[in-house]
PDB file of N, CA and C in Angstrom:
ATOM      1  N   MET A   1     -43.665  -1.109  -5.900  1.00  0.00           N
ATOM      2  CA  MET A   1     -43.529  -1.225  -7.310  1.00  0.00           C
ATOM      3  C   MET A   1     -42.978  -1.906  -8.011  1.00  0.00           C
ATOM      4  N   LYS A   2     -42.967  -2.008  -9.512  1.00  0.00           N
ATOM      5  CA  LYS A   2     -42.522  -3.654 -10.208  1.00  0.00           C
ATOM      6  C   LYS A   2     -40.900  -3.579 -11.013  1.00  0.00           C
ATOM      7  N   ALA A   3     -40.231  -4.711 -11.448  1.00  0.00           N
ATOM      8  CA  ALA A   3     -39.501  -4.425 -12.066  1.00  0.00           C
ATOM      9  C   ALA A   3     -39.845  -5.256 -13.570  1.00  0.00           C
ATOM     10  N   GLN A   4     -39.102  -5.519 -14.649  1.00  0.00           N
ATOM     11  CA  GLN A   4     -39.123  -6.372 -15.525  1.00  0.00           C
ATOM     12  C   GLN A   4     -37.768  -6.204 -15.805  1.00  0.00           C
ATOM     13  N   LEU A   5     -37.514  -7.638 -16.462  1.00  0.00           N
ATOM     14  CA  LEU A   5     -35.801  -7.755 -17.222  1.00  0.00           C
ATOM     15  C   LEU A   5     -36.297  -8.470 -18.198  1.00  0.00           C
ATOM     16  N   THR A   6     -35.928  -7.282 -19.349  1.00  0.00           N
ATOM     17  CA  THR A   6     -36.085  -8.217 -21.106  1.00  0.00           C
ATOM     18  C   THR A   6     -34.560  -9.242 -21.201  1.00  0.00           C
ATOM     19  N   PHE A   7     -34.666 -10.070 -21.843  1.00  0.00           N
ATOM     20  CA  PHE A   7     -33.366 -10.857 -21.986  1.00  0.00           C
ATOM     21  C   PHE A   7     -33.902 -11.543 -23.898  1.00  0.00           C
ATOM     22  N   ASP A   8     -32.894 -11.608 -24.271  1.00  0.00           N
ATOM     23  CA  ASP A   8     -33.002 -11.605 -26.036  1.00  0.00           C
ATOM     24  C   ASP A   8     -32.392 -13.418 -25.638  1.00  0.00           C
ATOM     25  N   LEU A   9     -32.859 -14.333 -25.644  1.00  0.00           N
ATOM     26  CA  LEU A   9     -32.654 -16.025 -25.225  1.00  0.00           C
ATOM     27  C   LEU A   9     -31.807 -16.085 -26.303  1.00  0.00           C
ATOM     28  N   ASP A  10     -32.188 -15.633 -27.488  1.00  0.00           N
ATOM     29  CA  ASP A  10     -31.004 -15.741 -28.571  1.00  0.00           C
ATOM     30  C   ASP A  10     -30.396 -15.477 -28.710  1.00  0.00           C
ATOM     31  N   ASP A  11     -29.373 -14.875 -28.332  1.00  0.00           N
ATOM     32  CA  ASP A  11     -28.233 -14.329 -27.815  1.00  0.00           C
ATOM     33  C   ASP A  11     -27.461 -14.917 -26.501  1.00  0.00           C
ATOM     34  N   PRO A  12     -26.422 -15.183 -27.316  1.00  0.00           N
ATOM     35  CA  PRO A  12     -25.919 -16.067 -25.942  1.00  0.00           C
ATOM     36  C   PRO A  12     -25.452 -15.431 -24.387  1.00  0.00           C
ATOM     37  N   GLY A  13     -24.985 -14.632 -24.921  1.00  0.00           N
ATOM     38  CA  GLY A  13     -24.113 -13.825 -23.787  1.00  0.00           C
ATOM     39  C   GLY A  13     -25.886 -12.936 -22.556  1.00  0.00           C
ATOM     40  N   ASP A  14     -27.088 -12.987 -23.543  1.00  0.00           N
ATOM     41  CA  ASP A  14     -28.411 -12.723 -23.061  1.00  0.00           C
ATOM     42  C   ASP A  14     -28.828 -13.569 -22.269  1.00  0.00           C
ATOM     43  N   HIS A  15     -28.654 -14.809 -23.287  1.00  0.00           N
ATOM     44  CA  HIS A  15     -28.765 -16.384 -22.549  1.00  0.00           C
ATOM     45  C   HIS A  15     -28.367 -16.604 -21.045  1.00  0.00           C
ATOM     46  N   ASP A  16     -27.108 -16.136 -20.802  1.00  0.00           N
ATOM     47  CA  ASP A  16     -26.232 -16.576 -19.869  1.00  0.00           C
ATOM     48  C   ASP A  16     -26.884 -15.462 -18.658  1.00  0.00           C
ATOM     49  N   ARG A  17     -27.085 -14.110 -18.649  1.00  0.00           N
ATOM     50  CA  ARG A  17     -27.442 -13.108 -18.077  1.00  0.00           C
ATOM     51  C   ARG A  17     -29.127 -13.967 -17.669  1.00  0.00           C
ATOM     52  N   PHE A  18     -29.364 -14.448 -18.301  1.00  0.00           N
ATOM     53  CA  PHE A  18     -30.803 -14.546 -17.716  1.00  0.00           C
ATOM     54  C   PHE A  18     -30.993 -16.259 -16.604  1.00  0.00           C
ATOM     55  N   LEU A  19     -30.199 -16.936 -16.940  1.00  0.00           N
ATOM     56  CA  LEU A  19     -30.124 -18.054 -16.373  1.00  0.00           C
ATOM     57  C   LEU A  19     -29.075 -17.628 -14.986  1.00  0.00           C
ATOM     58  N   ARG A  20     -28.619 -16.510 -15.381  1.00  0.00           N
ATOM     59  CA  ARG A  20     -27.743 -16.259 -13.861  1.00  0.00           C
ATOM     60  C   ARG A  20     -29.172 -15.699 -13.086  1.00  0.00           C
ATOM     61  N   CYS A  21     -30.247 -14.553 -12.917  1.00  0.00           N
ATOM     62  CA  CYS A  21     -30.874 -14.820 -12.671  1.00  0.00           C
ATOM     63  C   CYS A  21     -32.018 -15.361 -12.696  1.00  0.00           C
ATOM     64  N   VAL A  22     -32.406 -16.243 -12.986  1.00  0.00           N
ATOM     65  CA  VAL A  22     -33.354 -17.207 -12.633  1.00  0.00           C
ATOM     66  C   VAL A  22     -32.876 -18.147 -11.722  1.00  0.00           C
ATOM     67  N   ASN A  23     -31.524 -17.977 -11.924  1.00  0.00           N
ATOM     68  CA  ASN A  23     -30.849 -19.362 -10.600  1.00  0.00           C
ATOM     69  C   ASN A  23     -30.428 -18.489  -9.779  1.00  0.00           C
ATOM     70  N   ALA A  24     -30.395 -17.463  -9.483  1.00  0.00           N
ATOM     71  CA  ALA A  24     -30.178 -15.900  -8.457  1.00  0.00           C
ATOM     72  C   ALA A  24     -30.536 -17.128  -6.536  1.00  0.00           C
ATOM     73  N   GLU A  25     -31.439 -17.111  -6.279  1.00  0.00           N
ATOM     74  CA  GLU A  25     -32.410 -17.490  -4.927  1.00  0.00           C
ATOM     75  C   GLU A  25     -31.822 -18.801  -4.346  1.00  0.00           C
ATOM     76  N   ASP A  26     -31.147 -19.643  -5.640  1.00  0.00           N
ATOM     77  CA  ASP A  26     -30.337 -21.202  -5.758  1.00  0.00           C
ATOM     78  C   ASP A  26     -28.597 -20.269  -4.934  1.00  0.00           C
ATOM     79  N   VAL A  27     -28.163 -19.597  -6.071  1.00  0.00           N
ATOM     80  CA  VAL A  27     -27.037 -19.965  -6.082  1.00  0.00           C
ATOM     81  C   VAL A  27     -26.705 -19.133  -4.940  1.00  0.00           C
ATOM     82  N   ASP A  28     -27.872 -17.786  -4.256  1.00  0.00           N
ATOM     83  CA  ASP A  28     -27.334 -17.582  -2.917  1.00  0.00           C
ATOM     84  C   ASP A  28     -27.478 -18.360  -1.521  1.00  0.00           C
ATOM     85  N   GLU A  29     -28.664 -19.802  -2.109  1.00  0.00           N
ATOM     86  CA  GLU A  29     -28.276 -20.355  -0.493  1.00  0.00           C
ATOM     87  C   GLU A  29     -27.361 -21.352  -0.820  1.00  0.00           C
ATOM     88  N   ALA A  30     -26.867 -21.431  -1.946  1.00  0.00           N
ATOM     89  CA  ALA A  30     -25.126 -22.303  -1.971  1.00  0.00           C
ATOM     90  C   ALA A  30     -24.428 -22.000  -1.518  1.00  0.00           C
ATOM     91  N   VAL A  31     -23.875 -20.571  -1.933  1.00  0.00           N
ATOM     92  CA  VAL A  31     -23.039 -19.595  -1.145  1.00  0.00           C
ATOM     93  C   VAL A  31     -23.230 -20.432   0.198  1.00  0.00           C
ATOM     94  N   HIS A  32     -24.455 -19.291   1.192  1.00  0.00           N
ATOM     95  CA  HIS A  32     -24.744 -19.118   2.318  1.00  0.00           C
ATOM     96  C   HIS A  32     -24.729 -20.894   3.502  1.00  0.00           C
ATOM     97  N   GLU A  33     -24.720 -21.939   2.034  1.00  0.00           N
ATOM     98  CA  GLU A  33     -24.459 -23.747   2.862  1.00  0.00           C
ATOM     99  C   GLU A  33     -22.645 -23.171   3.058  1.00  0.00           C
ATOM    100  N   PHE A  34     -22.318 -22.785   2.318  1.00  0.00           N
ATOM    101  CA  PHE A  34     -20.336 -23.241   1.594  1.00  0.00           C
ATOM    102  C   PHE A  34     -20.301 -22.752   2.581  1.00  0.00           C
ATOM    103  N   THR A  35     -20.502 -20.679   3.107  1.00  0.00           N
ATOM    104  CA  THR A  35     -19.448 -20.435   3.610  1.00  0.00           C
ATOM    105  C   THR A  35     -20.272 -20.987   5.468  1.00  0.00           C
ATOM    106  N   THR A  36     -21.762 -21.346   5.695  1.00  0.00           N
ATOM    107  CA  THR A  36     -21.299 -21.659   6.637  1.00  0.00           C
ATOM    108  C   THR A  36     -20.618 -23.467   6.779  1.00  0.00           C
ATOM    109  N   TRP A  37     -20.402 -24.259   5.774  1.00  0.00           N
ATOM    110  CA  TRP A  37     -19.515 -25.579   6.546  1.00  0.00           C
ATOM    111  C   TRP A  37     -18.471 -24.949   6.741  1.00  0.00           C
ATOM    112  N   LEU A  38     -18.223 -23.628   5.537  1.00  0.00           N
ATOM    113  CA  LEU A  38     -16.636 -24.049   5.410  1.00  0.00           C
ATOM    114  C   LEU A  38     -16.313 -22.400   7.568  1.00  0.00           C
ATOM    115  N   ARG A  39     -16.909 -22.019   7.469  1.00  0.00           N
ATOM    116  CA  ARG A  39     -16.996 -21.498   9.257  1.00  0.00           C
ATOM    117  C   ARG A  39     -16.357 -22.404   9.999  1.00  0.00           C
ATOM    118  N   GLY A  40     -17.540 -23.350  10.152  1.00  0.00           N
ATOM    119  CA  GLY A  40     -17.261 -24.775  11.151  1.00  0.00           C
ATOM    120  C   GLY A  40     -15.920 -25.356  10.785  1.00  0.00           C
ATOM    121  N   GLN A  41     -15.333 -25.740   9.396  1.00  0.00           N
ATOM    122  CA  GLN A  41     -13.775 -26.651   9.426  1.00  0.00           C
ATOM    123  C   GLN A  41     -13.261 -25.881   9.993  1.00  0.00           C
ATOM    124  N   ILE A  42     -12.955 -24.077   9.867  1.00  0.00           N
ATOM    125  CA  ILE A  42     -12.334 -23.573  10.665  1.00  0.00           C
ATOM    126  C   ILE A  42     -11.886 -23.608  11.721  1.00  0.00           C
ATOM    127  N   LYS A  43     -13.246 -23.363  12.536  1.00  0.00           N
ATOM    128  CA  LYS A  43     -13.638 -23.425  14.110  1.00  0.00           C
ATOM    129  C   LYS A  43     -13.599 -24.999  14.801  1.00  0.00           C
ATOM    130  N   TYR A  44     -14.188 -25.421  14.053  1.00  0.00           N
ATOM    131  CA  TYR A  44     -14.113 -27.317  14.646  1.00  0.00           C
ATOM    132  C   TYR A  44     -12.886 -28.063  14.125  1.00  0.00           C
ATOM    133  N   GLY A  45     -12.094 -27.674  12.834  1.00  0.00           N
ATOM    134  CA  GLY A  45     -11.637 -29.124  12.277  1.00  0.00           C
ATOM    135  C   GLY A  45     -10.756 -29.436  12.657  1.00  0.00           C
ATOM    136  N   GLY A  46      -9.681 -29.032  14.272  1.00  0.00           N
ATOM    137  CA  GLY A  46      -8.791 -29.541  14.610  1.00  0.00           C
ATOM    138  C   GLY A  46      -7.608 -29.484  13.388  1.00  0.00           C
ATOM    139  N   GLU A  47      -6.809 -29.862  14.123  1.00  0.00           N
ATOM    140  CA  GLU A  47      -5.172 -29.360  13.629  1.00  0.00           C
ATOM    141  C   GLU A  47      -5.166 -30.176  12.579  1.00  0.00           C
ATOM    142  N   ASN A  48      -5.505 -30.211  11.131  1.00  0.00           N
ATOM    143  CA  ASN A  48      -5.263 -30.531   9.423  1.00  0.00           C
ATOM    144  C   ASN A  48      -4.786 -29.228   9.739  1.00  0.00           C
ATOM    145  N   ASP A  49      -3.483 -30.155   8.933  1.00  0.00           N
ATOM    146  CA  ASP A  49      -2.885 -28.665   7.394  1.00  0.00           C
ATOM    147  C   ASP A  49      -4.048 -27.821   6.364  1.00  0.00           C
ATOM    148  N   ALA A  50      -3.074 -26.527   5.833  1.00  0.00           N
ATOM    149  CA  ALA A  50      -4.640 -26.171   5.273  1.00  0.00           C
ATOM    150  C   ALA A  50      -4.310 -26.721   3.533  1.00  0.00           C
ATOM    151  N   ASP A  51      -3.911 -27.322   3.129  1.00  0.00           N
ATOM    152  CA  ASP A  51      -4.166 -28.078   2.218  1.00  0.00           C
ATOM    153  C   ASP A  51      -5.254 -29.305   2.622  1.00  0.00           C
ATOM    154  N   GLU A  52      -5.393 -29.704   3.363  1.00  0.00           N
ATOM    155  CA  GLU A  52      -6.324 -30.927   3.352  1.00  0.00           C
ATOM    156  C   GLU A  52      -7.829 -29.231   3.216  1.00  0.00           C
ATOM    157  N   HIS A  53      -7.713 -28.728   4.403  1.00  0.00           N
ATOM    158  CA  HIS A  53      -9.043 -27.759   4.278  1.00  0.00           C
ATOM    159  C   HIS A  53      -9.022 -27.629   2.852  1.00  0.00           C
ATOM    160  N   LEU A  54      -7.721 -26.722   2.275  1.00  0.00           N
ATOM    161  CA  LEU A  54      -8.270 -25.787   0.694  1.00  0.00           C
ATOM    162  C   LEU A  54      -9.054 -26.951  -0.034  1.00  0.00           C
ATOM    163  N   THR A  55      -8.425 -28.254   0.452  1.00  0.00           N
ATOM    164  CA  THR A  55      -8.809 -29.936  -0.514  1.00  0.00           C
ATOM    165  C   THR A  55     -10.884 -29.166  -0.265  1.00  0.00           C
ATOM    166  N   LYS A  56     -10.922 -30.014   1.177  1.00  0.00           N
ATOM    167  CA  LYS A  56     -12.725 -29.884   1.880  1.00  0.00           C
ATOM    168  C   LYS A  56     -13.427 -28.684   0.989  1.00  0.00           C
ATOM    169  N   ALA A  57     -12.299 -27.439   0.854  1.00  0.00           N
ATOM    170  CA  ALA A  57     -13.670 -26.611   1.150  1.00  0.00           C
ATOM    171  C   ALA A  57     -13.617 -26.681  -0.723  1.00  0.00           C
ATOM    172  N   TRP A  58     -12.879 -26.743  -2.066  1.00  0.00           N
ATOM    173  CA  TRP A  58     -12.989 -27.151  -2.805  1.00  0.00           C
ATOM    174  C   TRP A  58     -13.615 -28.748  -3.712  1.00  0.00           C
ATOM    175  N   ASN A  59     -13.888 -29.486  -2.722  1.00  0.00           N
ATOM    176  CA  ASN A  59     -14.390 -30.189  -3.005  1.00  0.00           C
ATOM    177  C   ASN A  59     -16.290 -30.250  -2.572  1.00  0.00           C
ATOM    178  N   LYS A  60     -15.929 -29.522  -1.412  1.00  0.00           N
ATOM    179  CA  LYS A  60     -17.928 -29.041  -0.723  1.00  0.00           C
ATOM    180  C   LYS A  60     -18.047 -27.506  -1.779  1.00  0.00           C
ATOM    181  N   LEU A  61     -17.376 -27.063  -2.117  1.00  0.00           N
ATOM    182  CA  LEU A  61     -18.056 -25.901  -3.476  1.00  0.00           C
ATOM    183  C   LEU A  61     -18.561 -26.537  -4.431  1.00  0.00           C
ATOM    184  N   PHE A  62     -18.231 -27.934  -4.979  1.00  0.00           N
ATOM    185  CA  PHE A  62     -18.725 -28.290  -5.979  1.00  0.00           C
ATOM    186  C   PHE A  62     -19.703 -29.181  -5.390  1.00  0.00           C
ATOM    187  N   ALA A  63     -19.730 -30.131  -4.879  1.00  0.00           N
ATOM    188  CA  ALA A  63     -20.732 -30.521  -4.403  1.00  0.00           C
ATOM    189  C   ALA A  63     -22.102 -29.723  -3.792  1.00  0.00           C
ATOM    190  N   VAL A  64     -22.146 -28.704  -3.216  1.00  0.00           N
ATOM    191  CA  VAL A  64     -22.956 -27.665  -2.867  1.00  0.00           C
ATOM    192  C   VAL A  64     -23.371 -27.562  -4.032  1.00  0.00           C
ATOM    193  N   PHE A  65     -22.856 -26.838  -5.296  1.00  0.00           N
ATOM    194  CA  PHE A  65     -23.361 -26.081  -6.435  1.00  0.00           C
ATOM    195  C   PHE A  65     -24.078 -27.488  -7.170  1.00  0.00           C
ATOM    196  N   ASN A  66     -23.159 -28.648  -7.719  1.00  0.00           N
ATOM    197  CA  ASN A  66     -24.091 -29.665  -8.141  1.00  0.00           C
ATOM    198  C   ASN A  66     -25.899 -30.564  -8.304  1.00  0.00           C
ATOM    199  N   GLU A  67     -25.822 -30.102  -6.478  1.00  0.00           N
ATOM    200  CA  GLU A  67     -26.660 -30.769  -5.458  1.00  0.00           C
ATOM    201  C   GLU A  67     -27.988 -29.766  -6.418  1.00  0.00           C
ATOM    202  N   ARG A  68     -27.691 -28.559  -6.741  1.00  0.00           N
ATOM    203  CA  ARG A  68     -28.132 -27.312  -7.041  1.00  0.00           C
ATOM    204  C   ARG A  68     -28.641 -27.919  -8.206  1.00  0.00           C
ATOM    205  N   GLY A  69     -28.205 -28.825  -9.343  1.00  0.00           N
ATOM    206  CA  GLY A  69     -27.935 -28.653 -10.697  1.00  0.00           C
ATOM    207  C   GLY A  69     -27.100 -27.335 -11.524  1.00  0.00           C
ATOM    208  N   LEU A  70     -26.512 -26.706 -10.485  1.00  0.00           N
ATOM    209  CA  LEU A  70     -25.151 -25.041 -10.803  1.00  0.00           C
ATOM    210  C   LEU A  70     -24.106 -25.380 -11.491  1.00  0.00           C
ATOM    211  N   SER A  71     -23.747 -24.218 -11.630  1.00  0.00           N
ATOM    212  CA  SER A  71     -21.994 -24.686 -11.564  1.00  0.00           C
ATOM    213  C   SER A  71     -21.402 -23.061 -11.620  1.00  0.00           C
ATOM    214  N   PRO A  72     -20.266 -23.359 -10.665  1.00  0.00           N
ATOM    215  CA  PRO A  72     -19.903 -22.083  -9.632  1.00  0.00           C
ATOM    216  C   PRO A  72     -19.455 -21.134 -10.406  1.00  0.00           C
ATOM    217  N   TRP A  73     -19.005 -21.205 -12.183  1.00  0.00           N
ATOM    218  CA  TRP A  73     -18.836 -20.725 -13.005  1.00  0.00           C
ATOM    219  C   TRP A  73     -20.071 -20.491 -13.434  1.00  0.00           C
ATOM    220  N   GLY A  74     -20.989 -20.129 -14.176  1.00  0.00           N
ATOM    221  CA  GLY A  74     -22.337 -19.913 -14.839  1.00  0.00           C
ATOM    222  C   GLY A  74     -22.089 -20.563 -16.139  1.00  0.00           C
ATOM    223  N   GLU A  75     -21.721 -21.531 -15.834  1.00  0.00           N
ATOM    224  CA  GLU A  75     -21.781 -22.929 -16.949  1.00  0.00           C
ATOM    225  C   GLU A  75     -22.659 -23.865 -17.020  1.00  0.00           C
ATOM    226  N   GLU A  76     -24.021 -24.435 -17.806  1.00  0.00           N
ATOM    227  CA  GLU A  76     -24.647 -24.767 -17.808  1.00  0.00           C
ATOM    228  C   GLU A  76     -24.923 -26.525 -18.593  1.00  0.00           C
TER     229      GLU A  76
END
């Protein structure tokens, strides 16, 4: 079985959908890495207050996406 996707790269909306498809594997790996990291922070993070954990999670989210040249919101 084969599948073929067709995009009009001159159309901004289609171009964005194309980029999401092309980057899907990297996004999946980034999300997996982040959730694994976050789980470790929650499980082994110690007695830090919630704001500190949320700040760490926020910063790590952007670091993981940036390492792959991706934006978590789909912007290039």
